[in-house]
Amino acid sequence: MIKRLARNLSLTLGSLALAIAPTVVLAKQAWTFTVTNSGRNPITRLEVRESGSSTWEPFGTVSNLSPGEEATFEWGSADENRSCTWSIRAIYADGPTPPASFNFCEETNLVFDN
């Protein structure tokens, strides 16, 4: 009887420990950075491309970031197998800037001018 009671108590305590153990939630990491327009014209959009790709993709929402203004953006790593370093460029009314290599996981400021 005592052995059975000890075994039942052990099972109950083990179940209780599992029930109150903290739940670990693994969230994707996100990083923020600021873009400053040091150019003469508004930035109409930002574009990015992964290393080795020739295709530019729109990034975030930019609606005429005026000269002298800055905006904060968030880079969320959608996939742990993707690199943090991408090419990024600003699109002005008179055309794109040269691409800049930018590490979204480590750098916090990006300045464009045209």
C-alpha atoms as a PDB file:
ATOM      1  CA  MET A   1       0.000   0.000   0.000  1.00  0.00           C
ATOM      2  CA  ILE A   2       2.778   2.451   0.895  1.00  0.00           C
ATOM      3  CA  LYS A   3       4.630   1.634  -2.340  1.00  0.00           C
ATOM      4  CA  ARG A   4       1.452   2.223  -4.357  1.00  0.00           C
ATOM      5  CA  LEU A   5       0.820   5.528  -2.528  1.00  0.00           C
ATOM      6  CA  ALA A   6       4.407   6.690  -3.141  1.00  0.00           C
ATOM      7  CA  ARG A   7       4.167   5.743  -6.821  1.00  0.00           C
ATOM      8  CA  ASN A   8       0.835   7.587  -7.222  1.00  0.00           C
ATOM      9  CA  LEU A   9       2.236  10.628  -5.408  1.00  0.00           C
ATOM     10  CA  SER A  10       5.287  10.576  -7.682  1.00  0.00           C
ATOM     11  CA  LEU A  11       3.111  10.422 -10.806  1.00  0.00           C
ATOM     12  CA  THR A  12       0.888  13.216  -9.508  1.00  0.00           C
ATOM     13  CA  LEU A  13       3.858  15.480  -8.692  1.00  0.00           C
ATOM     14  CA  GLY A  14       5.403  14.759 -12.093  1.00  0.00           C
ATOM     15  CA  SER A  15       2.168  15.671 -13.859  1.00  0.00           C
ATOM     16  CA  LEU A  16       1.850  18.819 -11.764  1.00  0.00           C
ATOM     17  CA  ALA A  17       5.420  19.854 -12.635  1.00  0.00           C
ATOM     18  CA  LEU A  18       4.665  19.483 -16.346  1.00  0.00           C
ATOM     19  CA  ALA A  19       1.433  21.449 -16.001  1.00  0.00           C
ATOM     20  CA  ILE A  20       3.061  24.430 -14.295  1.00  0.00           C
ATOM     21  CA  ALA A  21       6.337  24.413 -16.235  1.00  0.00           C
ATOM     22  CA  PRO A  22       6.742  27.595 -18.267  1.00  0.00           C
ATOM     23  CA  THR A  23       5.795  27.266 -21.894  1.00  0.00           C
ATOM     24  CA  VAL A  24       8.599  28.242 -24.215  1.00  0.00           C
ATOM     25  CA  VAL A  25       7.437  30.061 -27.328  1.00  0.00           C
ATOM     26  CA  LEU A  26      10.030  30.553 -30.006  1.00  0.00           C
ATOM     27  CA  ALA A  27       9.263  33.731 -31.883  1.00  0.00           C
ATOM     28  CA  LYS A  28      10.958  34.905 -35.037  1.00  0.00           C
ATOM     29  CA  GLN A  29      13.424  37.700 -34.398  1.00  0.00           C
ATOM     30  CA  ALA A  30      12.639  41.143 -35.772  1.00  0.00           C
ATOM     31  CA  TRP A  31      15.010  44.081 -36.020  1.00  0.00           C
ATOM     32  CA  THR A  32      14.280  47.776 -36.502  1.00  0.00           C
ATOM     33  CA  PHE A  33      16.342  50.304 -38.415  1.00  0.00           C
ATOM     34  CA  THR A  34      15.923  53.889 -39.572  1.00  0.00           C
ATOM     35  CA  VAL A  35      16.158  55.203 -43.106  1.00  0.00           C
ATOM     36  CA  THR A  36      17.146  58.835 -43.530  1.00  0.00           C
ATOM     37  CA  ASN A  37      16.597  60.727 -46.761  1.00  0.00           C
ATOM     38  CA  SER A  38      19.595  63.024 -47.229  1.00  0.00           C
ATOM     39  CA  GLY A  39      18.770  63.581 -50.882  1.00  0.00           C
ATOM     40  CA  ARG A  40      17.151  66.477 -52.740  1.00  0.00           C
ATOM     41  CA  ASN A  41      13.987  64.579 -53.714  1.00  0.00           C
ATOM     42  CA  PRO A  42      11.461  62.395 -51.884  1.00  0.00           C
ATOM     43  CA  ILE A  43      12.087  58.663 -51.653  1.00  0.00           C
ATOM     44  CA  THR A  44       9.074  56.943 -53.189  1.00  0.00           C
ATOM     45  CA  ARG A  45       9.940  53.352 -52.201  1.00  0.00           C
ATOM     46  CA  LEU A  46      12.632  50.999 -50.943  1.00  0.00           C
ATOM     47  CA  GLU A  47      13.651  47.803 -52.697  1.00  0.00           C
ATOM     48  CA  VAL A  48      15.689  44.821 -51.475  1.00  0.00           C
ATOM     49  CA  ARG A  49      17.229  41.747 -52.997  1.00  0.00           C
ATOM     50  CA  GLU A  50      18.879  38.765 -51.405  1.00  0.00           C
ATOM     51  CA  SER A  51      22.512  38.042 -52.203  1.00  0.00           C
ATOM     52  CA  GLY A  52      22.756  36.143 -55.457  1.00  0.00           C
ATOM     53  CA  SER A  53      19.341  37.292 -56.687  1.00  0.00           C
ATOM     54  CA  SER A  54      18.782  39.649 -59.591  1.00  0.00           C
ATOM     55  CA  THR A  55      15.183  40.403 -58.613  1.00  0.00           C
ATOM     56  CA  TRP A  56      14.386  43.544 -56.617  1.00  0.00           C
ATOM     57  CA  GLU A  57      11.420  43.307 -54.231  1.00  0.00           C
ATOM     58  CA  PRO A  58       9.551  46.220 -52.623  1.00  0.00           C
ATOM     59  CA  PHE A  59      10.298  46.652 -48.930  1.00  0.00           C
ATOM     60  CA  GLY A  60       7.937  48.248 -46.434  1.00  0.00           C
ATOM     61  CA  THR A  61       5.646  51.116 -47.226  1.00  0.00           C
ATOM     62  CA  VAL A  62       7.217  54.411 -48.178  1.00  0.00           C
ATOM     63  CA  SER A  63       5.047  57.257 -49.333  1.00  0.00           C
ATOM     64  CA  ASN A  64       7.321  60.119 -50.218  1.00  0.00           C
ATOM     65  CA  LEU A  65       9.943  60.227 -47.501  1.00  0.00           C
ATOM     66  CA  SER A  66      10.843  63.895 -47.889  1.00  0.00           C
ATOM     67  CA  PRO A  67      14.410  65.257 -47.818  1.00  0.00           C
ATOM     68  CA  GLY A  68      15.639  65.439 -44.231  1.00  0.00           C
ATOM     69  CA  GLU A  69      13.009  63.019 -42.926  1.00  0.00           C
ATOM     70  CA  GLU A  70      13.612  59.606 -41.441  1.00  0.00           C
ATOM     71  CA  ALA A  71      11.372  56.600 -40.962  1.00  0.00           C
ATOM     72  CA  THR A  72      11.674  53.452 -38.880  1.00  0.00           C
ATOM     73  CA  PHE A  73      11.238  50.057 -40.506  1.00  0.00           C
ATOM     74  CA  GLU A  74      11.169  46.525 -39.204  1.00  0.00           C
ATOM     75  CA  TRP A  75      13.093  43.645 -40.704  1.00  0.00           C
ATOM     76  CA  GLY A  76      11.668  40.297 -39.625  1.00  0.00           C
ATOM     77  CA  SER A  77      13.696  37.236 -40.450  1.00  0.00           C
ATOM     78  CA  ALA A  78      11.090  35.128 -42.214  1.00  0.00           C
ATOM     79  CA  ASP A  79      13.388  32.163 -42.434  1.00  0.00           C
ATOM     80  CA  GLU A  80      16.294  31.183 -40.224  1.00  0.00           C
ATOM     81  CA  ASN A  81      18.174  29.964 -43.293  1.00  0.00           C
ATOM     82  CA  ARG A  82      18.142  33.391 -44.936  1.00  0.00           C
ATOM     83  CA  SER A  83      21.001  35.811 -44.638  1.00  0.00           C
ATOM     84  CA  CYS A  84      20.739  39.047 -42.649  1.00  0.00           C
ATOM     85  CA  THR A  85      22.759  40.905 -45.306  1.00  0.00           C
ATOM     86  CA  TRP A  86      20.789  42.045 -48.347  1.00  0.00           C
ATOM     87  CA  SER A  87      21.145  44.706 -51.002  1.00  0.00           C
ATOM     88  CA  ILE A  88      18.838  47.662 -50.495  1.00  0.00           C
ATOM     89  CA  ARG A  89      18.218  50.750 -52.600  1.00  0.00           C
ATOM     90  CA  ALA A  90      15.992  53.798 -52.461  1.00  0.00           C
ATOM     91  CA  ILE A  91      13.868  54.795 -55.426  1.00  0.00           C
ATOM     92  CA  TYR A  92      13.647  58.532 -56.048  1.00  0.00           C
ATOM     93  CA  ALA A  93      11.477  60.206 -58.687  1.00  0.00           C
ATOM     94  CA  ASP A  94      14.590  60.523 -60.854  1.00  0.00           C
ATOM     95  CA  GLY A  95      15.681  56.890 -60.414  1.00  0.00           C
ATOM     96  CA  PRO A  96      17.249  54.419 -57.982  1.00  0.00           C
ATOM     97  CA  THR A  97      20.289  54.895 -55.796  1.00  0.00           C
ATOM     98  CA  PRO A  98      23.175  52.478 -56.191  1.00  0.00           C
ATOM     99  CA  PRO A  99      22.519  49.372 -54.091  1.00  0.00           C
ATOM    100  CA  ALA A 100      23.950  49.281 -50.577  1.00  0.00           C
ATOM    101  CA  SER A 101      24.852  46.094 -48.754  1.00  0.00           C
ATOM    102  CA  PHE A 102      23.012  46.229 -45.430  1.00  0.00           C
ATOM    103  CA  ASN A 103      23.005  43.807 -42.490  1.00  0.00           C
ATOM    104  CA  PHE A 104      19.445  44.065 -41.142  1.00  0.00           C
ATOM    105  CA  CYS A 105      20.360  42.019 -38.050  1.00  0.00           C
ATOM    106  CA  GLU A 106      23.186  44.311 -36.886  1.00  0.00           C
ATOM    107  CA  GLU A 107      22.957  47.763 -38.467  1.00  0.00           C
ATOM    108  CA  THR A 108      20.432  50.333 -37.277  1.00  0.00           C
ATOM    109  CA  ASN A 109      20.776  53.346 -39.607  1.00  0.00           C
ATOM    110  CA  LEU A 110      20.737  53.732 -43.363  1.00  0.00           C
ATOM    111  CA  VAL A 111      21.182  57.088 -45.112  1.00  0.00           C
ATOM    112  CA  PHE A 112      20.312  57.635 -48.769  1.00  0.00           C
ATOM    113  CA  ASP A 113      21.060  60.615 -50.974  1.00  0.00           C
ATOM    114  CA  ASN A 114      20.602  61.332 -54.651  1.00  0.00           C
END
